[in-house]
N, C-alpha and C. Protein backbone atom coordinates (compact mmCIF):
# COMPACT_ATOMS: atom_id res chain seq x y z
N UNK A 1 -0.50 -2.37 32.19
CA UNK A 1 -1.17 -1.49 31.77
C UNK A 1 -2.59 -2.19 32.18
N UNK A 2 -3.29 -1.53 32.08
CA UNK A 2 -5.21 -1.48 31.94
C UNK A 2 -5.51 -1.78 30.69
N UNK A 3 -6.29 -1.85 29.80
CA UNK A 3 -7.05 -2.06 28.33
C UNK A 3 -7.01 0.06 28.11
N UNK A 4 -7.56 0.79 29.16
CA UNK A 4 -7.84 2.18 29.15
C UNK A 4 -6.86 3.02 28.83
N UNK A 5 -5.58 2.40 29.30
CA UNK A 5 -4.41 3.62 29.72
C UNK A 5 -3.71 3.12 28.43
N UNK A 6 -3.97 2.78 27.64
CA UNK A 6 -3.00 2.65 26.28
C UNK A 6 -3.02 3.51 25.96
N UNK A 7 -1.05 4.53 25.46
CA UNK A 7 -1.37 4.97 23.81
C UNK A 7 -1.99 4.45 22.78
N UNK A 8 -2.67 5.72 22.49
CA UNK A 8 -3.38 5.42 20.90
C UNK A 8 -2.82 6.78 20.18
N UNK A 9 -2.73 6.43 18.87
CA UNK A 9 -2.32 7.74 17.64
C UNK A 9 -3.18 7.36 16.83
N UNK A 10 -3.41 8.44 16.36
CA UNK A 10 -3.73 7.92 14.88
C UNK A 10 -3.15 9.04 13.46
N UNK A 11 -2.67 8.45 12.60
CA UNK A 11 -1.95 8.30 11.35
C UNK A 11 -2.76 7.10 9.89
N UNK A 12 -1.87 7.67 9.11
CA UNK A 12 -1.92 7.56 7.55
C UNK A 12 -1.12 6.15 7.66
N UNK A 13 -1.87 5.38 6.68
CA UNK A 13 -1.36 4.01 6.33
C UNK A 13 -0.40 4.49 5.33
N UNK A 14 0.85 4.00 4.98
CA UNK A 14 1.99 4.07 4.29
C UNK A 14 2.68 3.10 3.39
N UNK A 15 1.81 1.74 4.07
CA UNK A 15 2.50 0.35 3.43
C UNK A 15 1.50 -0.56 3.86
N UNK A 16 1.45 -1.02 3.32
CA UNK A 16 0.70 -1.84 3.58
C UNK A 16 0.97 -3.98 2.92
N UNK A 17 1.92 -3.42 2.75
CA UNK A 17 2.75 -4.77 1.70
C UNK A 17 3.02 -6.12 2.55
N UNK A 18 3.32 -6.15 3.66
CA UNK A 18 3.45 -7.96 4.45
C UNK A 18 2.14 -7.75 5.13
N UNK A 19 2.61 -9.13 4.85
CA UNK A 19 1.43 -9.71 5.60
C UNK A 19 0.99 -9.63 7.00
N UNK A 20 -0.27 -8.96 7.64
CA UNK A 20 -0.83 -8.87 8.94
C UNK A 20 -0.19 -7.95 9.73
N UNK A 21 0.63 -7.16 8.45
CA UNK A 21 1.28 -5.88 9.22
C UNK A 21 1.10 -4.73 8.49
N UNK A 22 0.76 -3.35 9.03
CA UNK A 22 1.10 -2.02 8.27
C UNK A 22 1.70 -1.37 9.05
N UNK A 23 2.26 -0.42 8.32
CA UNK A 23 2.83 0.81 8.81
C UNK A 23 2.71 2.20 8.60
N UNK A 24 2.10 2.71 9.83
CA UNK A 24 1.11 4.21 9.86
C UNK A 24 1.97 5.11 10.29
N UNK A 25 1.68 6.43 9.40
CA UNK A 25 2.96 7.17 9.59
C UNK A 25 2.11 8.61 10.09
N UNK A 26 2.72 9.09 11.25
CA UNK A 26 2.02 9.85 12.50
C UNK A 26 2.61 10.66 12.32
N UNK A 27 1.75 11.99 12.09
CA UNK A 27 1.95 13.81 11.77
C UNK A 27 2.66 14.03 13.33
N UNK A 28 3.01 15.27 13.66
CA UNK A 28 2.74 16.30 15.06
C UNK A 28 3.64 17.44 14.82
N UNK A 29 2.58 18.65 15.27
CA UNK A 29 3.36 19.59 14.85
C UNK A 29 3.78 20.09 16.63
N UNK A 30 4.80 20.96 16.67
CA UNK A 30 5.65 21.33 17.58
C UNK A 30 6.15 23.20 17.85
N UNK A 31 6.81 23.93 18.24
CA UNK A 31 6.96 24.91 17.98
C UNK A 31 8.60 24.96 18.43
N UNK A 32 9.05 25.85 17.44
CA UNK A 32 10.57 25.76 17.59
C UNK A 32 10.74 26.67 19.06
N UNK A 33 11.67 25.82 20.19
CA UNK A 33 12.00 27.23 21.87
C UNK A 33 12.45 28.09 21.15
N UNK A 34 13.35 28.70 20.26
CA UNK A 34 14.00 29.94 19.69
C UNK A 34 13.09 30.69 18.53
N UNK A 35 12.96 30.30 17.60
CA UNK A 35 12.51 31.18 16.91
C UNK A 35 10.71 30.84 16.76
N UNK A 36 10.03 30.37 17.43
CA UNK A 36 8.62 29.97 17.49
C UNK A 36 7.89 29.65 16.17
N UNK A 37 9.06 29.09 14.65
CA UNK A 37 7.73 28.70 14.06
C UNK A 37 7.57 27.09 14.33
N UNK A 38 6.49 27.11 13.45
CA UNK A 38 5.14 25.57 13.45
C UNK A 38 6.28 25.02 12.86
N UNK A 39 6.67 23.41 13.49
CA UNK A 39 7.50 22.41 12.82
C UNK A 39 6.62 20.80 12.64
N UNK A 40 6.75 20.65 11.96
CA UNK A 40 5.60 19.05 11.13
C UNK A 40 6.51 18.04 11.41
N UNK A 41 7.08 17.12 12.84
CA UNK A 41 7.92 15.95 12.53
C UNK A 41 6.38 14.92 12.21
N UNK A 42 7.18 13.50 11.60
CA UNK A 42 6.33 12.01 11.81
C UNK A 42 6.81 11.11 12.13
N UNK A 43 6.90 10.08 12.07
CA UNK A 43 6.94 9.40 12.53
C UNK A 43 6.30 7.97 12.02
N UNK A 44 7.12 6.96 11.70
CA UNK A 44 6.26 5.55 11.31
C UNK A 44 6.33 4.52 12.47
N UNK A 45 5.48 4.07 12.39
CA UNK A 45 4.68 2.69 13.59
C UNK A 45 4.77 1.55 12.72
N UNK A 46 4.88 0.32 12.66
CA UNK A 46 5.01 -0.72 12.67
C UNK A 46 3.07 -1.21 13.62
N UNK A 47 2.44 -1.60 12.68
CA UNK A 47 1.18 -1.89 13.69
C UNK A 47 0.67 -3.47 13.40
N UNK A 48 0.10 -4.53 14.01
CA UNK A 48 -0.23 -5.70 13.71
C UNK A 48 -2.00 -5.32 12.67
N UNK A 49 -2.12 -5.74 11.91
CA UNK A 49 -3.66 -5.81 11.50
C UNK A 49 -3.75 -7.06 10.77
N UNK A 50 -4.34 -7.65 11.72
CA UNK A 50 -5.05 -9.12 12.15
C UNK A 50 -5.34 -9.42 10.44
N UNK A 51 -6.74 -8.92 10.10
CA UNK A 51 -7.06 -9.37 8.92
C UNK A 51 -6.78 -8.65 7.57
N UNK A 52 -6.02 -7.88 7.88
CA UNK A 52 -5.73 -7.31 6.54
C UNK A 52 -6.92 -6.32 5.66
N UNK A 53 -7.41 -5.35 6.85
CA UNK A 53 -8.19 -4.63 6.17
C UNK A 53 -7.80 -3.68 5.99
N UNK A 54 -7.02 -2.68 6.36
CA UNK A 54 -6.43 -1.83 6.39
C UNK A 54 -5.51 -1.13 4.72
N UNK A 55 -5.77 -0.34 4.36
CA UNK A 55 -5.34 -0.77 2.95
C UNK A 55 -4.03 0.98 2.56
N UNK A 56 -3.68 1.63 2.39
CA UNK A 56 -2.31 2.40 1.61
C UNK A 56 -3.43 3.51 1.97
N UNK A 57 -3.45 4.78 2.85
CA UNK A 57 -3.65 5.71 2.11
C UNK A 57 -4.98 5.98 3.93
N UNK A 58 -5.84 4.81 4.15
CA UNK A 58 -6.59 4.82 4.75
C UNK A 58 -5.85 5.67 6.11
N UNK A 59 -6.46 6.57 7.40
CA UNK A 59 -6.61 7.09 8.52
C UNK A 59 -6.94 6.23 9.48
N UNK A 60 -5.99 5.70 10.09
CA UNK A 60 -6.01 4.70 11.49
C UNK A 60 -6.12 5.26 12.68
N UNK A 61 -6.36 4.42 13.12
CA UNK A 61 -6.09 4.36 14.96
C UNK A 61 -5.71 3.29 15.23
N UNK A 62 -3.91 3.54 16.24
CA UNK A 62 -3.53 2.71 16.52
C UNK A 62 -3.12 2.68 18.23
N UNK A 63 -3.18 1.28 18.67
CA UNK A 63 -3.71 1.40 19.96
C UNK A 63 -2.15 0.82 20.71
N UNK A 64 -1.11 1.27 21.30
CA UNK A 64 -0.14 0.69 22.53
C UNK A 64 -0.47 -1.50 22.98
N UNK A 65 0.80 -1.52 21.99
CA UNK A 65 0.66 -3.30 23.01
C UNK A 65 1.61 -3.93 23.67
N UNK A 66 1.42 -5.22 23.86
CA UNK A 66 2.81 -5.75 23.93
C UNK A 66 3.57 -5.76 22.59
N UNK A 67 5.18 -5.84 22.87
CA UNK A 67 5.56 -6.59 21.65
C UNK A 67 5.42 -7.88 21.28
N UNK A 68 5.15 -7.64 19.41
CA UNK A 68 4.50 -8.76 18.80
C UNK A 68 6.27 -9.37 18.09
N UNK A 69 6.63 -8.34 17.63
CA UNK A 69 7.61 -8.74 16.94
C UNK A 69 8.90 -7.96 17.38
N UNK A 70 10.20 -7.64 16.74
CA UNK A 70 11.59 -7.21 17.02
C UNK A 70 11.08 -5.76 17.16
N UNK A 71 10.21 -4.78 16.01
CA UNK A 71 9.85 -4.15 15.20
C UNK A 71 8.00 -3.16 15.90
N UNK A 72 7.01 -4.09 16.16
CA UNK A 72 6.08 -4.31 16.17
C UNK A 72 5.50 -4.24 17.48
N UNK A 73 5.11 -2.98 17.91
CA UNK A 73 4.84 -2.85 19.62
C UNK A 73 3.18 -2.13 19.08
N UNK A 74 2.45 -2.28 18.44
CA UNK A 74 1.39 -1.23 18.27
C UNK A 74 0.58 -1.91 17.25
N UNK A 75 -1.50 -1.83 17.77
CA UNK A 75 -1.91 -2.74 16.91
C UNK A 75 -3.23 -1.65 16.43
N UNK A 76 -3.74 -2.05 15.44
CA UNK A 76 -4.67 -1.55 14.49
C UNK A 76 -6.09 -1.68 15.44
N UNK A 77 -6.56 -0.76 15.78
CA UNK A 77 -7.73 -0.43 16.53
C UNK A 77 -8.95 -0.23 15.69
N UNK A 78 -8.79 1.07 14.53
CA UNK A 78 -10.19 0.83 14.02
C UNK A 78 -9.83 1.81 12.67
N UNK A 79 -10.55 2.03 11.73
CA UNK A 79 -10.36 2.41 10.80
C UNK A 79 -10.92 4.03 10.73
N UNK A 80 -10.51 5.01 10.77
CA UNK A 80 -11.40 6.21 11.41
C UNK A 80 -11.80 6.32 9.51
N UNK A 81 -11.22 6.93 8.30
CA UNK A 81 -11.73 7.14 7.26
C UNK A 81 -10.82 6.18 6.13
N UNK A 82 -11.56 5.74 5.45
CA UNK A 82 -11.03 4.64 4.05
C UNK A 82 -10.63 5.77 2.98
N UNK A 83 -9.59 5.44 2.02
CA UNK A 83 -8.99 6.14 1.27
C UNK A 83 -9.41 6.46 0.51
N UNK A 84 -10.06 7.60 -0.34
CA UNK A 84 -10.86 8.03 -1.11
C UNK A 84 -12.18 7.99 -1.03
N UNK A 85 -12.65 8.11 0.43
CA UNK A 85 -14.08 8.69 0.32
C UNK A 85 -14.08 9.71 1.26
């Protein structure tokens, strides 16, 4: 997989307690197929943060990578917005 073709997602850091790892919650919206109501679904991803620079509440962009551990398959690419800024 080339570097340009990797999947990227934007989400909010919900946990930064483990060393070099952050948990990012990514929200998405979808429309119910029958009732047409807009639903919000979220999923949590564990991402590698080498320098421990992302903190809880930050808006970050993560990028797909090779498996780094049993549950980590994403890397922190950039911090889009700091919490409270």
